[in-house]
Amino acid sequence: MWTIFFRRSGFVEGIALEDRKAVTADWYTKICLPKVFSAIEKQREKSGVRGILLHHDNASSHTALRTHLAPCDFWLSPKLKDQLRGRRFFSNEELTGALFLAIEEIPKGEWEMCFDTWLNA
């Protein structure tokens, strides 16, 4: 399982949840978020883009109306599933490579459109 962070301008960071463990507050705050903040800082240094708004969803959001879903739920996850559907991966490394290649191929305009749709819903 992966936790993927992105912003209007595109991909920020992907963090693997090793060995099919559950996401816990401890993992999220001590392992995941520091990596995300580091990636955001690197992007800021390159592009000058400042600020971030983290949108957190929870299990109930997966069954809520579309306007209450996070962009990962209504946009990124279905897009990646469509691109990877029907392919067989023989290792986690192979799957990871295909996942991040699919993310890299998403045009900047589509990331922007996702956020425009989400914020105007």
PDB file of N, CA and C in Angstrom:
ATOM      1  N   MET A   1       0.840  -1.167   0.000  1.00  0.00           N
ATOM      2  CA  MET A   1       0.000   0.000   0.000  1.00  0.00           C
ATOM      3  C   MET A   1       0.887   1.233   0.000  1.00  0.00           C
ATOM      4  N   TRP A   2       0.415   2.261  -0.669  1.00  0.00           N
ATOM      5  CA  TRP A   2       1.131   3.520  -0.767  1.00  0.00           C
ATOM      6  C   TRP A   2       0.261   4.656  -0.265  1.00  0.00           C
ATOM      7  N   THR A   3       0.889   5.630   0.342  1.00  0.00           N
ATOM      8  CA  THR A   3       0.240   6.892   0.653  1.00  0.00           C
ATOM      9  C   THR A   3       0.848   7.895  -0.314  1.00  0.00           C
ATOM     10  N   ILE A   4      -0.002   8.526  -1.116  1.00  0.00           N
ATOM     11  CA  ILE A   4       0.483   9.420  -2.162  1.00  0.00           C
ATOM     12  C   ILE A   4      -0.011  10.831  -1.872  1.00  0.00           C
ATOM     13  N   PHE A   5       0.908  11.771  -1.917  1.00  0.00           N
ATOM     14  CA  PHE A   5       0.594  13.175  -1.699  1.00  0.00           C
ATOM     15  C   PHE A   5       0.832  13.925  -3.005  1.00  0.00           C
ATOM     16  N   PHE A   6      -0.101  14.800  -3.326  1.00  0.00           N
ATOM     17  CA  PHE A   6       0.038  15.615  -4.518  1.00  0.00           C
ATOM     18  C   PHE A   6      -0.631  16.948  -4.292  1.00  0.00           C
ATOM     19  N   ARG A   7      -0.268  17.876  -5.129  1.00  0.00           N
ATOM     20  CA  ARG A   7      -0.838  19.214  -5.050  1.00  0.00           C
ATOM     21  C   ARG A   7      -1.282  19.634  -6.437  1.00  0.00           C
ATOM     22  N   ARG A   8      -1.812  20.820  -6.541  1.00  0.00           N
ATOM     23  CA  ARG A   8      -2.346  21.305  -7.806  1.00  0.00           C
ATOM     24  C   ARG A   8      -1.314  21.257  -8.930  1.00  0.00           C
ATOM     25  N   SER A   9      -0.049  21.452  -8.593  1.00  0.00           N
ATOM     26  CA  SER A   9       1.000  21.453  -9.609  1.00  0.00           C
ATOM     27  C   SER A   9       1.542  20.063  -9.918  1.00  0.00           C
ATOM     28  N   GLY A  10       1.097  19.039  -9.174  1.00  0.00           N
ATOM     29  CA  GLY A  10       1.521  17.676  -9.482  1.00  0.00           C
ATOM     30  C   GLY A  10       1.925  16.876  -8.263  1.00  0.00           C
ATOM     31  N   PHE A  11       2.616  15.803  -8.521  1.00  0.00           N
ATOM     32  CA  PHE A  11       3.039  14.836  -7.515  1.00  0.00           C
ATOM     33  C   PHE A  11       4.006  15.471  -6.517  1.00  0.00           C
ATOM     34  N   VAL A  12       3.857  15.105  -5.227  1.00  0.00           N
ATOM     35  CA  VAL A  12       4.760  15.569  -4.171  1.00  0.00           C
ATOM     36  C   VAL A  12       5.611  14.418  -3.655  1.00  0.00           C
ATOM     37  N   GLU A  13       4.966  13.357  -3.145  1.00  0.00           N
ATOM     38  CA  GLU A  13       5.721  12.265  -2.529  1.00  0.00           C
ATOM     39  C   GLU A  13       4.829  11.036  -2.410  1.00  0.00           C
ATOM     40  N   GLY A  14       5.455   9.877  -2.480  1.00  0.00           N
ATOM     41  CA  GLY A  14       4.769   8.612  -2.236  1.00  0.00           C
ATOM     42  C   GLY A  14       5.538   7.839  -1.179  1.00  0.00           C
ATOM     43  N   ILE A  15       4.826   7.358  -0.177  1.00  0.00           N
ATOM     44  CA  ILE A  15       5.466   6.626   0.911  1.00  0.00           C
ATOM     45  C   ILE A  15       4.820   5.247   0.999  1.00  0.00           C
ATOM     46  N   ALA A  16       5.662   4.230   0.970  1.00  0.00           N
ATOM     47  CA  ALA A  16       5.163   2.850   1.036  1.00  0.00           C
ATOM     48  C   ALA A  16       4.868   2.479   2.477  1.00  0.00           C
ATOM     49  N   LEU A  17       3.799   1.737   2.652  1.00  0.00           N
ATOM     50  CA  LEU A  17       3.487   1.140   3.946  1.00  0.00           C
ATOM     51  C   LEU A  17       3.979  -0.295   3.855  1.00  0.00           C
ATOM     52  N   GLU A  18       5.090  -0.549   4.501  1.00  0.00           N
ATOM     53  CA  GLU A  18       5.772  -1.832   4.372  1.00  0.00           C
ATOM     54  C   GLU A  18       5.003  -2.985   5.013  1.00  0.00           C
ATOM     55  N   ASP A  19       5.155  -4.162   4.447  1.00  0.00           N
ATOM     56  CA  ASP A  19       4.657  -5.419   5.001  1.00  0.00           C
ATOM     57  C   ASP A  19       3.170  -5.421   5.320  1.00  0.00           C
ATOM     58  N   ARG A  20       2.396  -4.687   4.517  1.00  0.00           N
ATOM     59  CA  ARG A  20       0.938  -4.672   4.655  1.00  0.00           C
ATOM     60  C   ARG A  20       0.477  -4.322   6.067  1.00  0.00           C
ATOM     61  N   LYS A  21       1.220  -3.500   6.745  1.00  0.00           N
ATOM     62  CA  LYS A  21       0.835  -3.048   8.080  1.00  0.00           C
ATOM     63  C   LYS A  21      -0.282  -2.031   7.962  1.00  0.00           C
ATOM     64  N   ALA A  22      -0.954  -1.771   9.068  1.00  0.00           N
ATOM     65  CA  ALA A  22      -2.018  -0.779   9.087  1.00  0.00           C
ATOM     66  C   ALA A  22      -1.433   0.618   9.250  1.00  0.00           C
ATOM     67  N   VAL A  23      -2.119   1.594   8.700  1.00  0.00           N
ATOM     68  CA  VAL A  23      -1.737   2.977   8.911  1.00  0.00           C
ATOM     69  C   VAL A  23      -2.123   3.336  10.336  1.00  0.00           C
ATOM     70  N   THR A  24      -1.153   3.809  11.085  1.00  0.00           N
ATOM     71  CA  THR A  24      -1.410   4.243  12.463  1.00  0.00           C
ATOM     72  C   THR A  24      -1.015   5.707  12.588  1.00  0.00           C
ATOM     73  N   ALA A  25      -1.514   6.352  13.628  1.00  0.00           N
ATOM     74  CA  ALA A  25      -1.147   7.743  13.876  1.00  0.00           C
ATOM     75  C   ALA A  25       0.359   7.860  14.077  1.00  0.00           C
ATOM     76  N   ASP A  26       0.959   6.893  14.732  1.00  0.00           N
ATOM     77  CA  ASP A  26       2.392   6.907  14.977  1.00  0.00           C
ATOM     78  C   ASP A  26       3.163   6.854  13.656  1.00  0.00           C
ATOM     79  N   TRP A  27       2.794   5.923  12.770  1.00  0.00           N
ATOM     80  CA  TRP A  27       3.454   5.814  11.462  1.00  0.00           C
ATOM     81  C   TRP A  27       3.269   7.101  10.668  1.00  0.00           C
ATOM     82  N   TYR A  28       2.049   7.620  10.670  1.00  0.00           N
ATOM     83  CA  TYR A  28       1.731   8.799   9.874  1.00  0.00           C
ATOM     84  C   TYR A  28       2.508  10.025  10.338  1.00  0.00           C
ATOM     85  N   THR A  29       2.565  10.244  11.657  1.00  0.00           N
ATOM     86  CA  THR A  29       3.213  11.458  12.159  1.00  0.00           C
ATOM     87  C   THR A  29       4.727  11.349  12.243  1.00  0.00           C
ATOM     88  N   LYS A  30       5.259  10.150  12.482  1.00  0.00           N
ATOM     89  CA  LYS A  30       6.702  10.009  12.673  1.00  0.00           C
ATOM     90  C   LYS A  30       7.455   9.586  11.423  1.00  0.00           C
ATOM     91  N   ILE A  31       6.796   8.904  10.506  1.00  0.00           N
ATOM     92  CA  ILE A  31       7.480   8.411   9.300  1.00  0.00           C
ATOM     93  C   ILE A  31       6.978   9.129   8.047  1.00  0.00           C
ATOM     94  N   CYS A  32       5.676   9.128   7.872  1.00  0.00           N
ATOM     95  CA  CYS A  32       5.088   9.639   6.636  1.00  0.00           C
ATOM     96  C   CYS A  32       5.232  11.161   6.501  1.00  0.00           C
ATOM     97  N   LEU A  33       4.690  11.914   7.443  1.00  0.00           N
ATOM     98  CA  LEU A  33       4.681  13.369   7.308  1.00  0.00           C
ATOM     99  C   LEU A  33       6.069  13.997   7.213  1.00  0.00           C
ATOM    100  N   PRO A  34       7.074  13.531   7.977  1.00  0.00           N
ATOM    101  CA  PRO A  34       8.405  14.121   7.782  1.00  0.00           C
ATOM    102  C   PRO A  34       8.924  13.972   6.341  1.00  0.00           C
ATOM    103  N   LYS A  35       8.648  12.846   5.705  1.00  0.00           N
ATOM    104  CA  LYS A  35       9.066  12.661   4.302  1.00  0.00           C
ATOM    105  C   LYS A  35       8.312  13.614   3.380  1.00  0.00           C
ATOM    106  N   VAL A  36       7.034  13.797   3.657  1.00  0.00           N
ATOM    107  CA  VAL A  36       6.225  14.703   2.842  1.00  0.00           C
ATOM    108  C   VAL A  36       6.723  16.133   2.995  1.00  0.00           C
ATOM    109  N   PHE A  37       6.943  16.563   4.220  1.00  0.00           N
ATOM    110  CA  PHE A  37       7.404  17.932   4.453  1.00  0.00           C
ATOM    111  C   PHE A  37       8.781  18.167   3.833  1.00  0.00           C
ATOM    112  N   SER A  38       9.636  17.166   3.857  1.00  0.00           N
ATOM    113  CA  SER A  38      10.949  17.273   3.219  1.00  0.00           C
ATOM    114  C   SER A  38      10.799  17.440   1.705  1.00  0.00           C
ATOM    115  N   ALA A  39       9.923  16.655   1.100  1.00  0.00           N
ATOM    116  CA  ALA A  39       9.692  16.757  -0.347  1.00  0.00           C
ATOM    117  C   ALA A  39       9.099  18.111  -0.710  1.00  0.00           C
ATOM    118  N   ILE A  40       8.199  18.619   0.118  1.00  0.00           N
ATOM    119  CA  ILE A  40       7.592  19.931  -0.133  1.00  0.00           C
ATOM    120  C   ILE A  40       8.657  21.019  -0.050  1.00  0.00           C
ATOM    121  N   GLU A  41       9.541  20.919   0.934  1.00  0.00           N
ATOM    122  CA  GLU A  41      10.617  21.907   1.080  1.00  0.00           C
ATOM    123  C   GLU A  41      11.541  21.894  -0.143  1.00  0.00           C
ATOM    124  N   LYS A  42      11.874  20.708  -0.637  1.00  0.00           N
ATOM    125  CA  LYS A  42      12.719  20.615  -1.832  1.00  0.00           C
ATOM    126  C   LYS A  42      12.035  21.255  -3.032  1.00  0.00           C
ATOM    127  N   GLN A  43      10.729  21.013  -3.176  1.00  0.00           N
ATOM    128  CA  GLN A  43       9.989  21.620  -4.277  1.00  0.00           C
ATOM    129  C   GLN A  43       9.938  23.138  -4.128  1.00  0.00           C
ATOM    130  N   ARG A  44       9.775  23.602  -2.898  1.00  0.00           N
ATOM    131  CA  ARG A  44       9.723  25.040  -2.652  1.00  0.00           C
ATOM    132  C   ARG A  44      11.037  25.694  -3.043  1.00  0.00           C
ATOM    133  N   GLU A  45      12.140  25.049  -2.712  1.00  0.00           N
ATOM    134  CA  GLU A  45      13.455  25.583  -3.051  1.00  0.00           C
ATOM    135  C   GLU A  45      13.635  25.692  -4.563  1.00  0.00           C
ATOM    136  N   LYS A  46      13.085  24.738  -5.312  1.00  0.00           N
ATOM    137  CA  LYS A  46      13.221  24.743  -6.775  1.00  0.00           C
ATOM    138  C   LYS A  46      12.270  25.726  -7.441  1.00  0.00           C
ATOM    139  N   SER A  47      11.018  25.763  -6.978  1.00  0.00           N
ATOM    140  CA  SER A  47       9.986  26.505  -7.702  1.00  0.00           C
ATOM    141  C   SER A  47       9.504  27.765  -7.010  1.00  0.00           C
ATOM    142  N   GLY A  48       9.775  27.888  -5.727  1.00  0.00           N
ATOM    143  CA  GLY A  48       9.292  29.050  -4.988  1.00  0.00           C
ATOM    144  C   GLY A  48       7.852  28.914  -4.535  1.00  0.00           C
ATOM    145  N   VAL A  49       7.192  27.797  -4.851  1.00  0.00           N
ATOM    146  CA  VAL A  49       5.805  27.577  -4.430  1.00  0.00           C
ATOM    147  C   VAL A  49       5.777  27.428  -2.915  1.00  0.00           C
ATOM    148  N   ARG A  50       4.912  28.179  -2.277  1.00  0.00           N
ATOM    149  CA  ARG A  50       4.866  28.157  -0.822  1.00  0.00           C
ATOM    150  C   ARG A  50       3.506  27.661  -0.349  1.00  0.00           C
ATOM    151  N   GLY A  51       3.490  27.138   0.857  1.00  0.00           N
ATOM    152  CA  GLY A  51       2.246  26.769   1.512  1.00  0.00           C
ATOM    153  C   GLY A  51       1.710  25.424   1.070  1.00  0.00           C
ATOM    154  N   ILE A  52       0.960  24.818   1.954  1.00  0.00           N
ATOM    155  CA  ILE A  52       0.322  23.537   1.662  1.00  0.00           C
ATOM    156  C   ILE A  52      -0.905  23.402   2.551  1.00  0.00           C
ATOM    157  N   LEU A  53      -1.913  22.784   2.009  1.00  0.00           N
ATOM    158  CA  LEU A  53      -3.109  22.446   2.754  1.00  0.00           C
ATOM    159  C   LEU A  53      -3.237  20.932   2.694  1.00  0.00           C
ATOM    160  N   LEU A  54      -3.160  20.276   3.828  1.00  0.00           N
ATOM    161  CA  LEU A  54      -3.328  18.822   3.856  1.00  0.00           C
ATOM    162  C   LEU A  54      -4.801  18.505   4.052  1.00  0.00           C
ATOM    163  N   HIS A  55      -5.344  17.721   3.156  1.00  0.00           N
ATOM    164  CA  HIS A  55      -6.729  17.272   3.287  1.00  0.00           C
ATOM    165  C   HIS A  55      -6.703  15.827   3.724  1.00  0.00           C
ATOM    166  N   HIS A  56      -7.232  15.566   4.900  1.00  0.00           N
ATOM    167  CA  HIS A  56      -7.261  14.199   5.422  1.00  0.00           C
ATOM    168  C   HIS A  56      -8.673  13.649   5.293  1.00  0.00           C
ATOM    169  N   ASP A  57      -8.754  12.444   4.813  1.00  0.00           N
ATOM    170  CA  ASP A  57     -10.060  11.800   4.775  1.00  0.00           C
ATOM    171  C   ASP A  57     -10.046  10.664   5.792  1.00  0.00           C
ATOM    172  N   ASN A  58     -11.162   9.986   5.912  1.00  0.00           N
ATOM    173  CA  ASN A  58     -11.216   8.830   6.800  1.00  0.00           C
ATOM    174  C   ASN A  58     -12.074   7.766   6.138  1.00  0.00           C
ATOM    175  N   ALA A  59     -12.220   6.656   6.770  1.00  0.00           N
ATOM    176  CA  ALA A  59     -12.919   5.525   6.152  1.00  0.00           C
ATOM    177  C   ALA A  59     -14.317   5.894   5.686  1.00  0.00           C
ATOM    178  N   SER A  60     -15.020   6.694   6.439  1.00  0.00           N
ATOM    179  CA  SER A  60     -16.389   7.026   6.035  1.00  0.00           C
ATOM    180  C   SER A  60     -16.422   7.856   4.753  1.00  0.00           C
ATOM    181  N   SER A  61     -15.348   8.548   4.444  1.00  0.00           N
ATOM    182  CA  SER A  61     -15.360   9.363   3.226  1.00  0.00           C
ATOM    183  C   SER A  61     -15.404   8.513   1.964  1.00  0.00           C
ATOM    184  N   HIS A  62     -15.032   7.250   2.072  1.00  0.00           N
ATOM    185  CA  HIS A  62     -15.071   6.391   0.896  1.00  0.00           C
ATOM    186  C   HIS A  62     -16.497   6.055   0.472  1.00  0.00           C
ATOM    187  N   THR A  63     -17.449   6.266   1.343  1.00  0.00           N
ATOM    188  CA  THR A  63     -18.851   6.007   0.999  1.00  0.00           C
ATOM    189  C   THR A  63     -19.670   7.287   0.968  1.00  0.00           C
ATOM    190  N   ALA A  64     -19.033   8.428   1.172  1.00  0.00           N
ATOM    191  CA  ALA A  64     -19.736   9.706   1.177  1.00  0.00           C
ATOM    192  C   ALA A  64     -20.006  10.181  -0.243  1.00  0.00           C
ATOM    193  N   LEU A  65     -20.758  11.253  -0.349  1.00  0.00           N
ATOM    194  CA  LEU A  65     -20.996  11.860  -1.649  1.00  0.00           C
ATOM    195  C   LEU A  65     -19.681  12.335  -2.244  1.00  0.00           C
ATOM    196  N   ARG A  66     -19.628  12.410  -3.542  1.00  0.00           N
ATOM    197  CA  ARG A  66     -18.391  12.763  -4.236  1.00  0.00           C
ATOM    198  C   ARG A  66     -17.804  14.084  -3.742  1.00  0.00           C
ATOM    199  N   THR A  67     -18.653  15.037  -3.410  1.00  0.00           N
ATOM    200  CA  THR A  67     -18.149  16.339  -2.967  1.00  0.00           C
ATOM    201  C   THR A  67     -17.402  16.242  -1.650  1.00  0.00           C
ATOM    202  N   HIS A  68     -17.537  15.157  -0.938  1.00  0.00           N
ATOM    203  CA  HIS A  68     -16.847  14.998   0.346  1.00  0.00           C
ATOM    204  C   HIS A  68     -15.605  14.125   0.235  1.00  0.00           C
ATOM    205  N   LEU A  69     -15.329  13.615  -0.927  1.00  0.00           N
ATOM    206  CA  LEU A  69     -14.167  12.750  -1.086  1.00  0.00           C
ATOM    207  C   LEU A  69     -12.899  13.558  -1.318  1.00  0.00           C
ATOM    208  N   ALA A  70     -11.791  12.986  -0.925  1.00  0.00           N
ATOM    209  CA  ALA A  70     -10.497  13.592  -1.197  1.00  0.00           C
ATOM    210  C   ALA A  70     -10.142  13.343  -2.659  1.00  0.00           C
ATOM    211  N   PRO A  71      -9.284  14.187  -3.250  1.00  0.00           N
ATOM    212  CA  PRO A  71      -8.893  13.985  -4.649  1.00  0.00           C
ATOM    213  C   PRO A  71      -8.325  12.597  -4.938  1.00  0.00           C
ATOM    214  N   CYS A  72      -7.658  11.979  -3.970  1.00  0.00           N
ATOM    215  CA  CYS A  72      -7.160  10.613  -4.196  1.00  0.00           C
ATOM    216  C   CYS A  72      -8.309   9.654  -4.439  1.00  0.00           C
ATOM    217  N   ASP A  73      -9.435   9.858  -3.762  1.00  0.00           N
ATOM    218  CA  ASP A  73     -10.556   8.942  -3.877  1.00  0.00           C
ATOM    219  C   ASP A  73     -11.292   9.071  -5.206  1.00  0.00           C
ATOM    220  N   PHE A  74     -11.539  10.295  -5.641  1.00  0.00           N
ATOM    221  CA  PHE A  74     -12.348  10.461  -6.847  1.00  0.00           C
ATOM    222  C   PHE A  74     -11.532  10.660  -8.109  1.00  0.00           C
ATOM    223  N   TRP A  75     -10.226  10.903  -7.978  1.00  0.00           N
ATOM    224  CA  TRP A  75      -9.456  11.200  -9.182  1.00  0.00           C
ATOM    225  C   TRP A  75      -8.199  10.345  -9.333  1.00  0.00           C
ATOM    226  N   LEU A  76      -7.255  10.438  -8.415  1.00  0.00           N
ATOM    227  CA  LEU A  76      -5.968   9.775  -8.612  1.00  0.00           C
ATOM    228  C   LEU A  76      -6.066   8.255  -8.580  1.00  0.00           C
ATOM    229  N   SER A  77      -6.713   7.706  -7.564  1.00  0.00           N
ATOM    230  CA  SER A  77      -6.795   6.241  -7.469  1.00  0.00           C
ATOM    231  C   SER A  77      -7.468   5.613  -8.684  1.00  0.00           C
ATOM    232  N   PRO A  78      -8.644   6.113  -9.113  1.00  0.00           N
ATOM    233  CA  PRO A  78      -9.253   5.530 -10.313  1.00  0.00           C
ATOM    234  C   PRO A  78      -8.372   5.679 -11.564  1.00  0.00           C
ATOM    235  N   LYS A  79      -7.693   6.827 -11.703  1.00  0.00           N
ATOM    236  CA  LYS A  79      -6.824   7.050 -12.862  1.00  0.00           C
ATOM    237  C   LYS A  79      -5.683   6.034 -12.884  1.00  0.00           C
ATOM    238  N   LEU A  80      -5.043   5.812 -11.741  1.00  0.00           N
ATOM    239  CA  LEU A  80      -3.936   4.857 -11.679  1.00  0.00           C
ATOM    240  C   LEU A  80      -4.422   3.429 -11.874  1.00  0.00           C
ATOM    241  N   LYS A  81      -5.579   3.099 -11.295  1.00  0.00           N
ATOM    242  CA  LYS A  81      -6.136   1.760 -11.486  1.00  0.00           C
ATOM    243  C   LYS A  81      -6.416   1.498 -12.967  1.00  0.00           C
ATOM    244  N   ASP A  82      -6.959   2.495 -13.657  1.00  0.00           N
ATOM    245  CA  ASP A  82      -7.219   2.341 -15.089  1.00  0.00           C
ATOM    246  C   ASP A  82      -5.934   2.093 -15.865  1.00  0.00           C
ATOM    247  N   GLN A  83      -4.879   2.832 -15.532  1.00  0.00           N
ATOM    248  CA  GLN A  83      -3.612   2.688 -16.253  1.00  0.00           C
ATOM    249  C   GLN A  83      -2.917   1.355 -15.962  1.00  0.00           C
ATOM    250  N   LEU A  84      -3.132   0.795 -14.773  1.00  0.00           N
ATOM    251  CA  LEU A  84      -2.433  -0.432 -14.387  1.00  0.00           C
ATOM    252  C   LEU A  84      -3.292  -1.690 -14.512  1.00  0.00           C
ATOM    253  N   ARG A  85      -4.582  -1.507 -14.780  1.00  0.00           N
ATOM    254  CA  ARG A  85      -5.514  -2.636 -14.860  1.00  0.00           C
ATOM    255  C   ARG A  85      -5.075  -3.646 -15.912  1.00  0.00           C
ATOM    256  N   GLY A  86      -5.166  -4.921 -15.552  1.00  0.00           N
ATOM    257  CA  GLY A  86      -4.860  -5.994 -16.482  1.00  0.00           C
ATOM    258  C   GLY A  86      -3.393  -6.363 -16.552  1.00  0.00           C
ATOM    259  N   ARG A  87      -2.545  -5.602 -15.900  1.00  0.00           N
ATOM    260  CA  ARG A  87      -1.114  -5.910 -15.902  1.00  0.00           C
ATOM    261  C   ARG A  87      -0.780  -6.779 -14.704  1.00  0.00           C
ATOM    262  N   ARG A  88       0.170  -7.661 -14.867  1.00  0.00           N
ATOM    263  CA  ARG A  88       0.608  -8.546 -13.785  1.00  0.00           C
ATOM    264  C   ARG A  88       2.007  -8.128 -13.359  1.00  0.00           C
ATOM    265  N   PHE A  89       2.180  -7.969 -12.053  1.00  0.00           N
ATOM    266  CA  PHE A  89       3.468  -7.559 -11.515  1.00  0.00           C
ATOM    267  C   PHE A  89       4.016  -8.699 -10.668  1.00  0.00           C
ATOM    268  N   PHE A  90       5.279  -9.000 -10.855  1.00  0.00           N
ATOM    269  CA  PHE A  90       5.890 -10.141 -10.188  1.00  0.00           C
ATOM    270  C   PHE A  90       6.690  -9.769  -8.950  1.00  0.00           C
ATOM    271  N   SER A  91       6.766  -8.474  -8.664  1.00  0.00           N
ATOM    272  CA  SER A  91       7.447  -8.031  -7.447  1.00  0.00           C
ATOM    273  C   SER A  91       6.904  -6.663  -7.046  1.00  0.00           C
ATOM    274  N   ASN A  92       7.114  -6.313  -5.793  1.00  0.00           N
ATOM    275  CA  ASN A  92       6.721  -4.982  -5.326  1.00  0.00           C
ATOM    276  C   ASN A  92       7.496  -3.901  -6.062  1.00  0.00           C
ATOM    277  N   GLU A  93       8.749  -4.191  -6.393  1.00  0.00           N
ATOM    278  CA  GLU A  93       9.572  -3.219  -7.100  1.00  0.00           C
ATOM    279  C   GLU A  93       9.011  -2.941  -8.494  1.00  0.00           C
ATOM    280  N   GLU A  94       8.563  -3.993  -9.165  1.00  0.00           N
ATOM    281  CA  GLU A  94       7.987  -3.838 -10.503  1.00  0.00           C
ATOM    282  C   GLU A  94       6.698  -3.014 -10.435  1.00  0.00           C
ATOM    283  N   LEU A  95       5.856  -3.303  -9.452  1.00  0.00           N
ATOM    284  CA  LEU A  95       4.616  -2.550  -9.264  1.00  0.00           C
ATOM    285  C   LEU A  95       4.925  -1.095  -8.936  1.00  0.00           C
ATOM    286  N   THR A  96       5.873  -0.874  -8.047  1.00  0.00           N
ATOM    287  CA  THR A  96       6.248   0.487  -7.662  1.00  0.00           C
ATOM    288  C   THR A  96       6.747   1.279  -8.863  1.00  0.00           C
ATOM    289  N   GLY A  97       7.586   0.676  -9.675  1.00  0.00           N
ATOM    290  CA  GLY A  97       8.090   1.348 -10.873  1.00  0.00           C
ATOM    291  C   GLY A  97       6.963   1.729 -11.812  1.00  0.00           C
ATOM    292  N   ALA A  98       6.032   0.810 -12.035  1.00  0.00           N
ATOM    293  CA  ALA A  98       4.899   1.085 -12.928  1.00  0.00           C
ATOM    294  C   ALA A  98       3.996   2.174 -12.351  1.00  0.00           C
ATOM    295  N   LEU A  99       3.788   2.144 -11.041  1.00  0.00           N
ATOM    296  CA  LEU A  99       2.947   3.143 -10.377  1.00  0.00           C
ATOM    297  C   LEU A  99       3.531   4.540 -10.556  1.00  0.00           C
ATOM    298  N   PHE A 100       4.815   4.693 -10.273  1.00  0.00           N
ATOM    299  CA  PHE A 100       5.415   6.015 -10.360  1.00  0.00           C
ATOM    300  C   PHE A 100       5.631   6.475 -11.802  1.00  0.00           C
ATOM    301  N   LEU A 101       5.790   5.564 -12.725  1.00  0.00           N
ATOM    302  CA  LEU A 101       5.834   5.925 -14.139  1.00  0.00           C
ATOM    303  C   LEU A 101       4.467   6.483 -14.567  1.00  0.00           C
ATOM    304  N   ALA A 102       3.399   5.824 -14.115  1.00  0.00           N
ATOM    305  CA  ALA A 102       2.050   6.298 -14.440  1.00  0.00           C
ATOM    306  C   ALA A 102       1.809   7.686 -13.844  1.00  0.00           C
ATOM    307  N   ILE A 103       2.294   7.924 -12.632  1.00  0.00           N
ATOM    308  CA  ILE A 103       2.145   9.236 -12.003  1.00  0.00           C
ATOM    309  C   ILE A 103       2.906  10.296 -12.789  1.00  0.00           C
ATOM    310  N   GLU A 104       4.126   9.985 -13.201  1.00  0.00           N
ATOM    311  CA  GLU A 104       4.954  10.942 -13.962  1.00  0.00           C
ATOM    312  C   GLU A 104       4.326  11.310 -15.293  1.00  0.00           C
ATOM    313  N   GLU A 105       3.532  10.409 -15.863  1.00  0.00           N
ATOM    314  CA  GLU A 105       2.939  10.649 -17.175  1.00  0.00           C
ATOM    315  C   GLU A 105       1.669  11.501 -17.124  1.00  0.00           C
ATOM    316  N   ILE A 106       1.191  11.834 -15.941  1.00  0.00           N
ATOM    317  CA  ILE A 106      -0.005  12.666 -15.832  1.00  0.00           C
ATOM    318  C   ILE A 106       0.384  14.113 -16.131  1.00  0.00           C
ATOM    319  N   PRO A 107      -0.216  14.719 -17.145  1.00  0.00           N
ATOM    320  CA  PRO A 107       0.125  16.104 -17.495  1.00  0.00           C
ATOM    321  C   PRO A 107      -0.248  17.083 -16.378  1.00  0.00           C
ATOM    322  N   LYS A 108       0.514  18.158 -16.259  1.00  0.00           N
ATOM    323  CA  LYS A 108       0.282  19.161 -15.227  1.00  0.00           C
ATOM    324  C   LYS A 108      -1.145  19.695 -15.270  1.00  0.00           C
ATOM    325  N   GLY A 109      -1.669  19.882 -16.447  1.00  0.00           N
ATOM    326  CA  GLY A 109      -3.030  20.403 -16.583  1.00  0.00           C
ATOM    327  C   GLY A 109      -4.083  19.519 -15.935  1.00  0.00           C
ATOM    328  N   GLU A 110      -3.854  18.216 -15.920  1.00  0.00           N
ATOM    329  CA  GLU A 110      -4.818  17.305 -15.282  1.00  0.00           C
ATOM    330  C   GLU A 110      -4.786  17.436 -13.764  1.00  0.00           C
ATOM    331  N   TRP A 111      -3.589  17.647 -13.191  1.00  0.00           N
ATOM    332  CA  TRP A 111      -3.497  17.872 -11.737  1.00  0.00           C
ATOM    333  C   TRP A 111      -4.284  19.145 -11.389  1.00  0.00           C
ATOM    334  N   GLU A 112      -4.087  20.189 -12.178  1.00  0.00           N
ATOM    335  CA  GLU A 112      -4.773  21.460 -11.929  1.00  0.00           C
ATOM    336  C   GLU A 112      -6.284  21.301 -12.041  1.00  0.00           C
ATOM    337  N   MET A 113      -6.730  20.588 -13.072  1.00  0.00           N
ATOM    338  CA  MET A 113      -8.156  20.372 -13.277  1.00  0.00           C
ATOM    339  C   MET A 113      -8.766  19.597 -12.108  1.00  0.00           C
ATOM    340  N   CYS A 114      -8.024  18.621 -11.576  1.00  0.00           N
ATOM    341  CA  CYS A 114      -8.497  17.861 -10.423  1.00  0.00           C
ATOM    342  C   CYS A 114      -8.798  18.794  -9.264  1.00  0.00           C
ATOM    343  N   PHE A 115      -7.876  19.681  -8.958  1.00  0.00           N
ATOM    344  CA  PHE A 115      -8.064  20.583  -7.823  1.00  0.00           C
ATOM    345  C   PHE A 115      -9.147  21.613  -8.094  1.00  0.00           C
ATOM    346  N   ASP A 116      -9.227  22.096  -9.330  1.00  0.00           N
ATOM    347  CA  ASP A 116     -10.307  23.035  -9.665  1.00  0.00           C
ATOM    348  C   ASP A 116     -11.664  22.377  -9.476  1.00  0.00           C
ATOM    349  N   THR A 117     -11.801  21.145  -9.926  1.00  0.00           N
ATOM    350  CA  THR A 117     -13.060  20.410  -9.773  1.00  0.00           C
ATOM    351  C   THR A 117     -13.383  20.196  -8.305  1.00  0.00           C
ATOM    352  N   TRP A 118     -12.394  19.769  -7.533  1.00  0.00           N
ATOM    353  CA  TRP A 118     -12.583  19.482  -6.110  1.00  0.00           C
ATOM    354  C   TRP A 118     -12.961  20.739  -5.332  1.00  0.00           C
ATOM    355  N   LEU A 119     -12.234  21.822  -5.560  1.00  0.00           N
ATOM    356  CA  LEU A 119     -12.463  23.030  -4.785  1.00  0.00           C
ATOM    357  C   LEU A 119     -13.743  23.758  -5.178  1.00  0.00           C
ATOM    358  N   ASN A 120     -14.228  23.520  -6.397  1.00  0.00           N
ATOM    359  CA  ASN A 120     -15.452  24.191  -6.856  1.00  0.00           C
ATOM    360  C   ASN A 120     -16.693  23.317  -6.737  1.00  0.00           C
ATOM    361  N   ALA A 121     -16.537  22.114  -6.176  1.00  0.00           N
ATOM    362  CA  ALA A 121     -17.693  21.209  -6.051  1.00  0.00           C
ATOM    363  C   ALA A 121     -18.628  21.659  -4.950  1.00  0.00           C
TER     364      ALA A 121
END
